[in-house]
Amino acid sequence: MDELKIKLTEVEQRAKSNTHRIEKVEQRQDNLEKLTDTISVLANEQEHIKSDVGEIKTDVKTLTEKPAKRWDAIVDKVLWAIVGAAVAFALAQIGF
Protein backbone atom coordinates (compact mmCIF):
# COMPACT_ATOMS: atom_id res chain seq x y z
CA MET A 1 0.00 0.00 0.00
CA ASP A 2 2.84 2.38 0.86
CA GLU A 3 4.44 1.63 -2.46
CA LEU A 4 1.19 2.58 -4.18
CA LYS A 5 1.07 5.89 -2.29
CA ILE A 6 4.66 6.63 -3.29
CA LYS A 7 3.94 5.84 -6.93
CA LEU A 8 0.75 7.92 -6.84
CA THR A 9 2.64 10.82 -5.29
CA GLU A 10 5.32 10.56 -7.99
CA VAL A 11 2.69 10.48 -10.72
CA GLU A 12 0.93 13.51 -9.24
CA GLN A 13 4.22 15.43 -9.05
CA ARG A 14 5.03 14.49 -12.62
CA ALA A 15 1.51 15.55 -13.69
CA LYS A 16 1.99 18.95 -11.98
CA SER A 17 5.39 19.33 -13.62
CA ASN A 18 3.96 18.41 -17.00
CA THR A 19 1.03 20.79 -16.51
CA HIS A 20 3.46 23.59 -15.71
CA ARG A 21 5.56 22.76 -18.77
CA ILE A 22 2.47 22.60 -21.00
CA GLU A 23 1.37 26.03 -19.74
CA LYS A 24 4.79 27.42 -20.65
CA VAL A 25 4.56 25.85 -24.11
CA GLU A 26 1.07 27.30 -24.59
CA GLN A 27 2.32 30.75 -23.58
CA ARG A 28 5.24 30.48 -25.99
CA GLN A 29 2.86 29.38 -28.74
CA ASP A 30 0.61 32.37 -28.05
CA ASN A 31 3.63 34.67 -28.21
CA LEU A 32 4.72 33.06 -31.45
CA GLU A 33 1.27 33.58 -32.99
CA LYS A 34 1.31 37.24 -31.91
CA LEU A 35 4.76 37.65 -33.44
CA THR A 36 3.58 36.06 -36.68
CA ASP A 37 0.59 38.41 -36.83
CA THR A 38 2.83 41.41 -36.14
CA ILE A 39 5.26 40.39 -38.88
CA SER A 40 2.37 40.00 -41.29
CA VAL A 41 1.13 43.51 -40.48
CA LEU A 42 4.66 44.91 -40.85
CA ALA A 43 5.08 43.23 -44.23
CA ASN A 44 1.78 44.73 -45.37
CA GLU A 45 2.80 48.19 -44.17
CA GLN A 46 6.17 47.80 -45.88
CA GLU A 47 4.41 47.17 -49.20
CA HIS A 48 2.38 50.37 -48.75
CA ILE A 49 5.52 52.31 -47.85
CA LYS A 50 7.29 50.88 -50.89
CA SER A 51 4.52 52.05 -53.23
CA ASP A 52 4.43 55.47 -51.52
CA VAL A 53 8.20 55.87 -51.91
CA GLY A 54 7.87 54.93 -55.59
CA GLU A 55 5.25 57.64 -56.07
CA ILE A 56 7.39 60.18 -54.22
CA LYS A 57 10.42 59.33 -56.36
CA THR A 58 8.35 59.79 -59.52
CA ASP A 59 7.03 63.13 -58.29
CA VAL A 60 10.51 64.36 -57.33
CA LYS A 61 11.89 63.30 -60.70
CA THR A 62 9.09 65.17 -62.46
CA LEU A 63 9.71 68.28 -60.38
CA THR A 64 13.45 68.22 -60.96
CA GLU A 65 12.98 67.79 -64.72
CA LYS A 66 10.68 70.83 -65.02
CA PRO A 67 13.37 73.50 -64.54
CA ALA A 68 15.66 71.65 -66.93
CA LYS A 69 12.93 71.60 -69.58
CA ARG A 70 12.33 75.32 -69.05
CA TRP A 71 16.05 76.06 -69.29
CA ASP A 72 16.29 74.02 -72.50
CA ALA A 73 13.36 75.94 -73.97
CA ILE A 74 14.95 79.28 -73.05
CA VAL A 75 18.32 78.28 -74.51
CA ASP A 76 16.56 77.04 -77.65
CA LYS A 77 14.75 80.38 -78.08
CA VAL A 78 17.92 82.39 -77.46
CA LEU A 79 19.81 80.33 -80.06
CA TRP A 80 17.03 80.87 -82.60
CA ALA A 81 17.07 84.59 -81.86
CA ILE A 82 20.85 84.74 -82.37
CA VAL A 83 20.59 82.75 -85.60
CA GLY A 84 17.74 85.00 -86.77
CA ALA A 85 19.72 88.14 -85.93
CA ALA A 86 22.77 86.79 -87.75
CA VAL A 87 20.68 85.95 -90.81
CA ALA A 88 19.02 89.39 -90.70
CA PHE A 89 22.42 91.08 -90.35
CA ALA A 90 23.82 89.06 -93.25
CA LEU A 91 20.79 89.91 -95.42
CA ALA A 92 21.11 93.59 -94.49
CA GLN A 93 24.78 93.56 -95.49
CA ILE A 94 23.92 92.01 -98.81
CA GLY A 95 21.18 94.53 -99.38
CA PHE A 96 18.03 92.46 -99.03
PDB file of N, CA and C in Angstrom:
ATOM      1  N   MET A   1       0.804  -1.183   0.000  1.00  0.00           N
ATOM      2  CA  MET A   1       0.000   0.000   0.000  1.00  0.00           C
ATOM      3  C   MET A   1       0.855   1.259   0.000  1.00  0.00           C
ATOM      4  N   ASP A   2       1.944   1.230   0.815  1.00  0.00           N
ATOM      5  CA  ASP A   2       2.841   2.377   0.856  1.00  0.00           C
ATOM      6  C   ASP A   2       3.498   2.609  -0.498  1.00  0.00           C
ATOM      7  N   GLU A   3       3.810   1.519  -1.140  1.00  0.00           N
ATOM      8  CA  GLU A   3       4.440   1.626  -2.456  1.00  0.00           C
ATOM      9  C   GLU A   3       3.483   2.285  -3.447  1.00  0.00           C
ATOM     10  N   LEU A   4       2.202   1.976  -3.330  1.00  0.00           N
ATOM     11  CA  LEU A   4       1.190   2.579  -4.180  1.00  0.00           C
ATOM     12  C   LEU A   4       1.074   4.071  -3.916  1.00  0.00           C
ATOM     13  N   LYS A   5       1.134   4.477  -2.646  1.00  0.00           N
ATOM     14  CA  LYS A   5       1.074   5.893  -2.289  1.00  0.00           C
ATOM     15  C   LYS A   5       2.276   6.639  -2.873  1.00  0.00           C
ATOM     16  N   ILE A   6       3.440   6.003  -2.775  1.00  0.00           N
ATOM     17  CA  ILE A   6       4.659   6.631  -3.292  1.00  0.00           C
ATOM     18  C   ILE A   6       4.541   6.802  -4.810  1.00  0.00           C
ATOM     19  N   LYS A   7       4.110   5.766  -5.472  1.00  0.00           N
ATOM     20  CA  LYS A   7       3.942   5.835  -6.927  1.00  0.00           C
ATOM     21  C   LYS A   7       2.906   6.890  -7.302  1.00  0.00           C
ATOM     22  N   LEU A   8       1.793   6.943  -6.576  1.00  0.00           N
ATOM     23  CA  LEU A   8       0.745   7.921  -6.839  1.00  0.00           C
ATOM     24  C   LEU A   8       1.274   9.337  -6.626  1.00  0.00           C
ATOM     25  N   THR A   9       2.042   9.515  -5.562  1.00  0.00           N
ATOM     26  CA  THR A   9       2.637  10.823  -5.291  1.00  0.00           C
ATOM     27  C   THR A   9       3.588  11.210  -6.418  1.00  0.00           C
ATOM     28  N   GLU A  10       4.400  10.287  -6.883  1.00  0.00           N
ATOM     29  CA  GLU A  10       5.321  10.557  -7.988  1.00  0.00           C
ATOM     30  C   GLU A  10       4.558  10.929  -9.260  1.00  0.00           C
ATOM     31  N   VAL A  11       3.494  10.201  -9.531  1.00  0.00           N
ATOM     32  CA  VAL A  11       2.688  10.477 -10.724  1.00  0.00           C
ATOM     33  C   VAL A  11       2.040  11.849 -10.615  1.00  0.00           C
ATOM     34  N   GLU A  12       1.539  12.193  -9.431  1.00  0.00           N
ATOM     35  CA  GLU A  12       0.925  13.513  -9.235  1.00  0.00           C
ATOM     36  C   GLU A  12       1.960  14.626  -9.423  1.00  0.00           C
ATOM     37  N   GLN A  13       3.161  14.415  -8.892  1.00  0.00           N
ATOM     38  CA  GLN A  13       4.218  15.429  -9.053  1.00  0.00           C
ATOM     39  C   GLN A  13       4.604  15.571 -10.524  1.00  0.00           C
ATOM     40  N   ARG A  14       4.704  14.454 -11.196  1.00  0.00           N
ATOM     41  CA  ARG A  14       5.028  14.489 -12.619  1.00  0.00           C
ATOM     42  C   ARG A  14       3.902  15.185 -13.395  1.00  0.00           C
ATOM     43  N   ALA A  15       2.652  14.916 -13.026  1.00  0.00           N
ATOM     44  CA  ALA A  15       1.514  15.553 -13.692  1.00  0.00           C
ATOM     45  C   ALA A  15       1.556  17.069 -13.475  1.00  0.00           C
ATOM     46  N   LYS A  16       1.870  17.516 -12.256  1.00  0.00           N
ATOM     47  CA  LYS A  16       1.986  18.948 -11.980  1.00  0.00           C
ATOM     48  C   LYS A  16       3.122  19.563 -12.803  1.00  0.00           C
ATOM     49  N   SER A  17       4.246  18.861 -12.848  1.00  0.00           N
ATOM     50  CA  SER A  17       5.388  19.335 -13.619  1.00  0.00           C
ATOM     51  C   SER A  17       5.038  19.432 -15.103  1.00  0.00           C
ATOM     52  N   ASN A  18       4.363  18.402 -15.590  1.00  0.00           N
ATOM     53  CA  ASN A  18       3.959  18.405 -17.000  1.00  0.00           C
ATOM     54  C   ASN A  18       2.941  19.515 -17.284  1.00  0.00           C
ATOM     55  N   THR A  19       2.021  19.718 -16.347  1.00  0.00           N
ATOM     56  CA  THR A  19       1.034  20.790 -16.509  1.00  0.00           C
ATOM     57  C   THR A  19       1.734  22.134 -16.584  1.00  0.00           C
ATOM     58  N   HIS A  20       2.705  22.342 -15.710  1.00  0.00           N
ATOM     59  CA  HIS A  20       3.463  23.591 -15.712  1.00  0.00           C
ATOM     60  C   HIS A  20       4.213  23.764 -17.038  1.00  0.00           C
ATOM     61  N   ARG A  21       4.832  22.692 -17.508  1.00  0.00           N
ATOM     62  CA  ARG A  21       5.564  22.756 -18.775  1.00  0.00           C
ATOM     63  C   ARG A  21       4.615  23.021 -19.939  1.00  0.00           C
ATOM     64  N   ILE A  22       3.457  22.395 -19.927  1.00  0.00           N
ATOM     65  CA  ILE A  22       2.471  22.600 -20.998  1.00  0.00           C
ATOM     66  C   ILE A  22       1.994  24.052 -20.999  1.00  0.00           C
ATOM     67  N   GLU A  23       1.789  24.623 -19.821  1.00  0.00           N
ATOM     68  CA  GLU A  23       1.369  26.025 -19.738  1.00  0.00           C
ATOM     69  C   GLU A  23       2.438  26.940 -20.341  1.00  0.00           C
ATOM     70  N   LYS A  24       3.703  26.627 -20.065  1.00  0.00           N
ATOM     71  CA  LYS A  24       4.791  27.419 -20.652  1.00  0.00           C
ATOM     72  C   LYS A  24       4.791  27.289 -22.173  1.00  0.00           C
ATOM     73  N   VAL A  25       4.587  26.069 -22.663  1.00  0.00           N
ATOM     74  CA  VAL A  25       4.556  25.848 -24.113  1.00  0.00           C
ATOM     75  C   VAL A  25       3.379  26.598 -24.734  1.00  0.00           C
ATOM     76  N   GLU A  26       2.236  26.570 -24.076  1.00  0.00           N
ATOM     77  CA  GLU A  26       1.072  27.301 -24.588  1.00  0.00           C
ATOM     78  C   GLU A  26       1.343  28.803 -24.638  1.00  0.00           C
ATOM     79  N   GLN A  27       1.994  29.325 -23.600  1.00  0.00           N
ATOM     80  CA  GLN A  27       2.324  30.750 -23.575  1.00  0.00           C
ATOM     81  C   GLN A  27       3.293  31.093 -24.710  1.00  0.00           C
ATOM     82  N   ARG A  28       4.284  30.247 -24.904  1.00  0.00           N
ATOM     83  CA  ARG A  28       5.240  30.479 -25.991  1.00  0.00           C
ATOM     84  C   ARG A  28       4.541  30.406 -27.345  1.00  0.00           C
ATOM     85  N   GLN A  29       3.604  29.493 -27.488  1.00  0.00           N
ATOM     86  CA  GLN A  29       2.860  29.376 -28.742  1.00  0.00           C
ATOM     87  C   GLN A  29       2.016  30.630 -28.979  1.00  0.00           C
ATOM     88  N   ASP A  30       1.380  31.131 -27.930  1.00  0.00           N
ATOM     89  CA  ASP A  30       0.607  32.370 -28.052  1.00  0.00           C
ATOM     90  C   ASP A  30       1.515  33.525 -28.473  1.00  0.00           C
ATOM     91  N   ASN A  31       2.685  33.616 -27.847  1.00  0.00           N
ATOM     92  CA  ASN A  31       3.634  34.672 -28.207  1.00  0.00           C
ATOM     93  C   ASN A  31       4.091  34.538 -29.655  1.00  0.00           C
ATOM     94  N   LEU A  32       4.305  33.310 -30.080  1.00  0.00           N
ATOM     95  CA  LEU A  32       4.721  33.059 -31.448  1.00  0.00           C
ATOM     96  C   LEU A  32       3.627  33.474 -32.436  1.00  0.00           C
ATOM     97  N   GLU A  33       2.386  33.183 -32.123  1.00  0.00           N
ATOM     98  CA  GLU A  33       1.272  33.582 -32.985  1.00  0.00           C
ATOM     99  C   GLU A  33       1.154  35.103 -33.052  1.00  0.00           C
ATOM    100  N   LYS A  34       1.334  35.784 -31.912  1.00  0.00           N
ATOM    101  CA  LYS A  34       1.306  37.243 -31.911  1.00  0.00           C
ATOM    102  C   LYS A  34       2.437  37.800 -32.770  1.00  0.00           C
ATOM    103  N   LEU A  35       3.613  37.208 -32.651  1.00  0.00           N
ATOM    104  CA  LEU A  35       4.762  37.648 -33.442  1.00  0.00           C
ATOM    105  C   LEU A  35       4.492  37.449 -34.931  1.00  0.00           C
ATOM    106  N   THR A  36       3.910  36.327 -35.285  1.00  0.00           N
ATOM    107  CA  THR A  36       3.579  36.055 -36.681  1.00  0.00           C
ATOM    108  C   THR A  36       2.589  37.083 -37.208  1.00  0.00           C
ATOM    109  N   ASP A  37       1.572  37.399 -36.418  1.00  0.00           N
ATOM    110  CA  ASP A  37       0.591  38.411 -36.827  1.00  0.00           C
ATOM    111  C   ASP A  37       1.259  39.769 -36.996  1.00  0.00           C
ATOM    112  N   THR A  38       2.138  40.118 -36.073  1.00  0.00           N
ATOM    113  CA  THR A  38       2.832  41.406 -36.141  1.00  0.00           C
ATOM    114  C   THR A  38       3.705  41.482 -37.383  1.00  0.00           C
ATOM    115  N   ILE A  39       4.410  40.413 -37.687  1.00  0.00           N
ATOM    116  CA  ILE A  39       5.264  40.392 -38.876  1.00  0.00           C
ATOM    117  C   ILE A  39       4.411  40.521 -40.133  1.00  0.00           C
ATOM    118  N   SER A  40       3.269  39.893 -40.143  1.00  0.00           N
ATOM    119  CA  SER A  40       2.371  40.000 -41.294  1.00  0.00           C
ATOM    120  C   SER A  40       1.910  41.445 -41.491  1.00  0.00           C
ATOM    121  N   VAL A  41       1.550  42.104 -40.403  1.00  0.00           N
ATOM    122  CA  VAL A  41       1.129  43.506 -40.476  1.00  0.00           C
ATOM    123  C   VAL A  41       2.291  44.379 -40.962  1.00  0.00           C
ATOM    124  N   LEU A  42       3.484  44.136 -40.431  1.00  0.00           N
ATOM    125  CA  LEU A  42       4.656  44.910 -40.847  1.00  0.00           C
ATOM    126  C   LEU A  42       4.957  44.719 -42.331  1.00  0.00           C
ATOM    127  N   ALA A  43       4.827  43.503 -42.813  1.00  0.00           N
ATOM    128  CA  ALA A  43       5.075  43.235 -44.234  1.00  0.00           C
ATOM    129  C   ALA A  43       4.065  43.984 -45.090  1.00  0.00           C
ATOM    130  N   ASN A  44       2.822  44.012 -44.649  1.00  0.00           N
ATOM    131  CA  ASN A  44       1.778  44.727 -45.373  1.00  0.00           C
ATOM    132  C   ASN A  44       2.078  46.230 -45.391  1.00  0.00           C
ATOM    133  N   GLU A  45       2.465  46.764 -44.248  1.00  0.00           N
ATOM    134  CA  GLU A  45       2.801  48.186 -44.172  1.00  0.00           C
ATOM    135  C   GLU A  45       4.023  48.500 -45.025  1.00  0.00           C
ATOM    136  N   GLN A  46       4.974  47.589 -45.074  1.00  0.00           N
ATOM    137  CA  GLN A  46       6.169  47.801 -45.881  1.00  0.00           C
ATOM    138  C   GLN A  46       5.796  47.898 -47.357  1.00  0.00           C
ATOM    139  N   GLU A  47       4.851  47.098 -47.816  1.00  0.00           N
ATOM    140  CA  GLU A  47       4.413  47.173 -49.205  1.00  0.00           C
ATOM    141  C   GLU A  47       3.793  48.537 -49.500  1.00  0.00           C
ATOM    142  N   HIS A  48       2.983  49.047 -48.555  1.00  0.00           N
ATOM    143  CA  HIS A  48       2.381  50.373 -48.748  1.00  0.00           C
ATOM    144  C   HIS A  48       3.463  51.449 -48.785  1.00  0.00           C
ATOM    145  N   ILE A  49       4.428  51.335 -47.897  1.00  0.00           N
ATOM    146  CA  ILE A  49       5.520  52.306 -47.855  1.00  0.00           C
ATOM    147  C   ILE A  49       6.317  52.244 -49.158  1.00  0.00           C
ATOM    148  N   LYS A  50       6.538  51.048 -49.648  1.00  0.00           N
ATOM    149  CA  LYS A  50       7.288  50.880 -50.887  1.00  0.00           C
ATOM    150  C   LYS A  50       6.571  51.573 -52.047  1.00  0.00           C
ATOM    151  N   SER A  51       5.264  51.405 -52.138  1.00  0.00           N
ATOM    152  CA  SER A  51       4.521  52.054 -53.225  1.00  0.00           C
ATOM    153  C   SER A  51       4.507  53.570 -53.039  1.00  0.00           C
ATOM    154  N   ASP A  52       4.399  54.027 -51.783  1.00  0.00           N
ATOM    155  CA  ASP A  52       4.431  55.467 -51.518  1.00  0.00           C
ATOM    156  C   ASP A  52       5.784  56.065 -51.895  1.00  0.00           C
ATOM    157  N   VAL A  53       6.856  55.380 -51.569  1.00  0.00           N
ATOM    158  CA  VAL A  53       8.199  55.869 -51.912  1.00  0.00           C
ATOM    159  C   VAL A  53       8.359  55.913 -53.431  1.00  0.00           C
ATOM    160  N   GLY A  54       7.814  54.932 -54.117  1.00  0.00           N
ATOM    161  CA  GLY A  54       7.869  54.930 -55.586  1.00  0.00           C
ATOM    162  C   GLY A  54       7.154  56.141 -56.162  1.00  0.00           C
ATOM    163  N   GLU A  55       5.986  56.461 -55.619  1.00  0.00           N
ATOM    164  CA  GLU A  55       5.247  57.644 -56.074  1.00  0.00           C
ATOM    165  C   GLU A  55       6.030  58.916 -55.780  1.00  0.00           C
ATOM    166  N   ILE A  56       6.618  58.991 -54.599  1.00  0.00           N
ATOM    167  CA  ILE A  56       7.389  60.179 -54.221  1.00  0.00           C
ATOM    168  C   ILE A  56       8.587  60.344 -55.158  1.00  0.00           C
ATOM    169  N   LYS A  57       9.264  59.252 -55.457  1.00  0.00           N
ATOM    170  CA  LYS A  57      10.416  59.331 -56.359  1.00  0.00           C
ATOM    171  C   LYS A  57       9.989  59.830 -57.738  1.00  0.00           C
ATOM    172  N   THR A  58       8.854  59.338 -58.226  1.00  0.00           N
ATOM    173  CA  THR A  58       8.349  59.787 -59.522  1.00  0.00           C
ATOM    174  C   THR A  58       8.031  61.273 -59.490  1.00  0.00           C
ATOM    175  N   ASP A  59       7.377  61.713 -58.416  1.00  0.00           N
ATOM    176  CA  ASP A  59       7.031  63.132 -58.292  1.00  0.00           C
ATOM    177  C   ASP A  59       8.275  64.005 -58.226  1.00  0.00           C
ATOM    178  N   VAL A  60       9.264  63.581 -57.461  1.00  0.00           N
ATOM    179  CA  VAL A  60      10.506  64.363 -57.333  1.00  0.00           C
ATOM    180  C   VAL A  60      11.218  64.427 -58.685  1.00  0.00           C
ATOM    181  N   LYS A  61      11.241  63.324 -59.384  1.00  0.00           N
ATOM    182  CA  LYS A  61      11.885  63.300 -60.698  1.00  0.00           C
ATOM    183  C   LYS A  61      11.183  64.259 -61.649  1.00  0.00           C
ATOM    184  N   THR A  62       9.860  64.262 -61.618  1.00  0.00           N
ATOM    185  CA  THR A  62       9.093  65.174 -62.463  1.00  0.00           C
ATOM    186  C   THR A  62       9.391  66.624 -62.101  1.00  0.00           C
ATOM    187  N   LEU A  63       9.440  66.906 -60.816  1.00  0.00           N
ATOM    188  CA  LEU A  63       9.707  68.277 -60.380  1.00  0.00           C
ATOM    189  C   LEU A  63      11.122  68.724 -60.728  1.00  0.00           C
ATOM    190  N   THR A  64      12.080  67.830 -60.640  1.00  0.00           N
ATOM    191  CA  THR A  64      13.451  68.217 -60.964  1.00  0.00           C
ATOM    192  C   THR A  64      13.655  68.356 -62.469  1.00  0.00           C
ATOM    193  N   GLU A  65      12.853  67.676 -63.273  1.00  0.00           N
ATOM    194  CA  GLU A  65      12.975  67.789 -64.721  1.00  0.00           C
ATOM    195  C   GLU A  65      12.349  69.067 -65.253  1.00  0.00           C
ATOM    196  N   LYS A  66      11.367  69.625 -64.540  1.00  0.00           N
ATOM    197  CA  LYS A  66      10.678  70.829 -65.022  1.00  0.00           C
ATOM    198  C   LYS A  66      11.625  71.999 -65.251  1.00  0.00           C
ATOM    199  N   PRO A  67      12.460  72.384 -64.281  1.00  0.00           N
ATOM    200  CA  PRO A  67      13.368  73.503 -64.536  1.00  0.00           C
ATOM    201  C   PRO A  67      14.335  73.219 -65.693  1.00  0.00           C
ATOM    202  N   ALA A  68      14.761  71.993 -65.840  1.00  0.00           N
ATOM    203  CA  ALA A  68      15.662  71.647 -66.934  1.00  0.00           C
ATOM    204  C   ALA A  68      14.960  71.830 -68.273  1.00  0.00           C
ATOM    205  N   LYS A  69      13.696  71.435 -68.339  1.00  0.00           N
ATOM    206  CA  LYS A  69      12.934  71.603 -69.582  1.00  0.00           C
ATOM    207  C   LYS A  69      12.752  73.090 -69.882  1.00  0.00           C
ATOM    208  N   ARG A  70      12.474  73.875 -68.847  1.00  0.00           N
ATOM    209  CA  ARG A  70      12.326  75.318 -69.046  1.00  0.00           C
ATOM    210  C   ARG A  70      13.641  75.916 -69.531  1.00  0.00           C
ATOM    211  N   TRP A  71      14.735  75.536 -68.905  1.00  0.00           N
ATOM    212  CA  TRP A  71      16.046  76.063 -69.294  1.00  0.00           C
ATOM    213  C   TRP A  71      16.350  75.683 -70.740  1.00  0.00           C
ATOM    214  N   ASP A  72      16.064  74.449 -71.111  1.00  0.00           N
ATOM    215  CA  ASP A  72      16.292  74.017 -72.496  1.00  0.00           C
ATOM    216  C   ASP A  72      15.456  74.843 -73.465  1.00  0.00           C
ATOM    217  N   ALA A  73      14.219  75.134 -73.104  1.00  0.00           N
ATOM    218  CA  ALA A  73      13.356  75.940 -73.969  1.00  0.00           C
ATOM    219  C   ALA A  73      13.902  77.359 -74.104  1.00  0.00           C
ATOM    220  N   ILE A  74      14.388  77.927 -73.004  1.00  0.00           N
ATOM    221  CA  ILE A  74      14.949  79.283 -73.049  1.00  0.00           C
ATOM    222  C   ILE A  74      16.203  79.306 -73.919  1.00  0.00           C
ATOM    223  N   VAL A  75      17.081  78.356 -73.709  1.00  0.00           N
ATOM    224  CA  VAL A  75      18.315  78.279 -74.508  1.00  0.00           C
ATOM    225  C   VAL A  75      17.970  78.109 -75.982  1.00  0.00           C
ATOM    226  N   ASP A  76      16.991  77.263 -76.275  1.00  0.00           N
ATOM    227  CA  ASP A  76      16.560  77.044 -77.652  1.00  0.00           C
ATOM    228  C   ASP A  76      16.076  78.354 -78.278  1.00  0.00           C
ATOM    229  N   LYS A  77      15.275  79.103 -77.563  1.00  0.00           N
ATOM    230  CA  LYS A  77      14.747  80.377 -78.083  1.00  0.00           C
ATOM    231  C   LYS A  77      15.864  81.397 -78.267  1.00  0.00           C
ATOM    232  N   VAL A  78      16.798  81.458 -77.338  1.00  0.00           N
ATOM    233  CA  VAL A  78      17.925  82.394 -77.456  1.00  0.00           C
ATOM    234  C   VAL A  78      18.764  82.039 -78.683  1.00  0.00           C
ATOM    235  N   LEU A  79      19.029  80.742 -78.887  1.00  0.00           N
ATOM    236  CA  LEU A  79      19.808  80.330 -80.061  1.00  0.00           C
ATOM    237  C   LEU A  79      19.093  80.705 -81.357  1.00  0.00           C
ATOM    238  N   TRP A  80      17.786  80.502 -81.411  1.00  0.00           N
ATOM    239  CA  TRP A  80      17.026  80.868 -82.604  1.00  0.00           C
ATOM    240  C   TRP A  80      17.059  82.381 -82.821  1.00  0.00           C
ATOM    241  N   ALA A  81      17.014  83.127 -81.736  1.00  0.00           N
ATOM    242  CA  ALA A  81      17.070  84.586 -81.859  1.00  0.00           C
ATOM    243  C   ALA A  81      18.437  85.025 -82.390  1.00  0.00           C
ATOM    244  N   ILE A  82      19.498  84.396 -81.897  1.00  0.00           N
ATOM    245  CA  ILE A  82      20.847  84.738 -82.373  1.00  0.00           C
ATOM    246  C   ILE A  82      20.997  84.370 -83.844  1.00  0.00           C
ATOM    247  N   VAL A  83      20.517  83.175 -84.204  1.00  0.00           N
ATOM    248  CA  VAL A  83      20.590  82.745 -85.601  1.00  0.00           C
ATOM    249  C   VAL A  83      19.769  83.697 -86.476  1.00  0.00           C
ATOM    250  N   GLY A  84      18.587  84.065 -86.010  1.00  0.00           N
ATOM    251  CA  GLY A  84      17.740  85.001 -86.767  1.00  0.00           C
ATOM    252  C   GLY A  84      18.404  86.359 -86.921  1.00  0.00           C
ATOM    253  N   ALA A  85      19.024  86.852 -85.869  1.00  0.00           N
ATOM    254  CA  ALA A  85      19.721  88.138 -85.933  1.00  0.00           C
ATOM    255  C   ALA A  85      20.898  88.060 -86.884  1.00  0.00           C
ATOM    256  N   ALA A  86      21.627  86.948 -86.847  1.00  0.00           N
ATOM    257  CA  ALA A  86      22.769  86.785 -87.749  1.00  0.00           C
ATOM    258  C   ALA A  86      22.309  86.740 -89.199  1.00  0.00           C
ATOM    259  N   VAL A  87      21.233  86.023 -89.456  1.00  0.00           N
ATOM    260  CA  VAL A  87      20.681  85.950 -90.810  1.00  0.00           C
ATOM    261  C   VAL A  87      20.199  87.340 -91.243  1.00  0.00           C
ATOM    262  N   ALA A  88      19.516  88.044 -90.371  1.00  0.00           N
ATOM    263  CA  ALA A  88      19.025  89.394 -90.697  1.00  0.00           C
ATOM    264  C   ALA A  88      20.193  90.335 -90.957  1.00  0.00           C
ATOM    265  N   PHE A  89      21.238  90.238 -90.154  1.00  0.00           N
ATOM    266  CA  PHE A  89      22.415  91.081 -90.350  1.00  0.00           C
ATOM    267  C   PHE A  89      23.075  90.761 -91.696  1.00  0.00           C
ATOM    268  N   ALA A  90      23.198  89.459 -91.983  1.00  0.00           N
ATOM    269  CA  ALA A  90      23.819  89.058 -93.247  1.00  0.00           C
ATOM    270  C   ALA A  90      22.985  89.555 -94.429  1.00  0.00           C
ATOM    271  N   LEU A  91      21.655  89.439 -94.334  1.00  0.00           N
ATOM    272  CA  LEU A  91      20.786  89.909 -95.421  1.00  0.00           C
ATOM    273  C   LEU A  91      20.867  91.435 -95.540  1.00  0.00           C
ATOM    274  N   ALA A  92      20.999  92.127 -94.438  1.00  0.00           N
ATOM    275  CA  ALA A  92      21.106  93.589 -94.485  1.00  0.00           C
ATOM    276  C   ALA A  92      22.425  93.998 -95.113  1.00  0.00           C
ATOM    277  N   GLN A  93      23.482  93.260 -94.897  1.00  0.00           N
ATOM    278  CA  GLN A  93      24.780  93.564 -95.488  1.00  0.00           C
ATOM    279  C   GLN A  93      24.757  93.325 -97.005  1.00  0.00           C
ATOM    280  N   ILE A  94      24.012  92.314 -97.396  1.00  0.00           N
ATOM    281  CA  ILE A  94      23.923  92.009 -98.813  1.00  0.00           C
ATOM    282  C   ILE A  94      23.015  93.007 -99.508  1.00  0.00           C
ATOM    283  N   GLY A  95      22.086  93.544 -98.804  1.00  0.00           N
ATOM    284  CA  GLY A  95      21.179  94.526 -99.375  1.00  0.00           C
ATOM    285  C   GLY A  95      19.770  94.018 -99.557  1.00  0.00           C
ATOM    286  N   PHE A  96      19.408  92.968 -98.933  1.00  0.00           N
ATOM    287  CA  PHE A  96      18.028  92.456 -99.032  1.00  0.00           C
ATOM    288  C   PHE A  96      17.141  93.127 -98.073  1.00  0.00           C
TER     289      PHE A  96
END
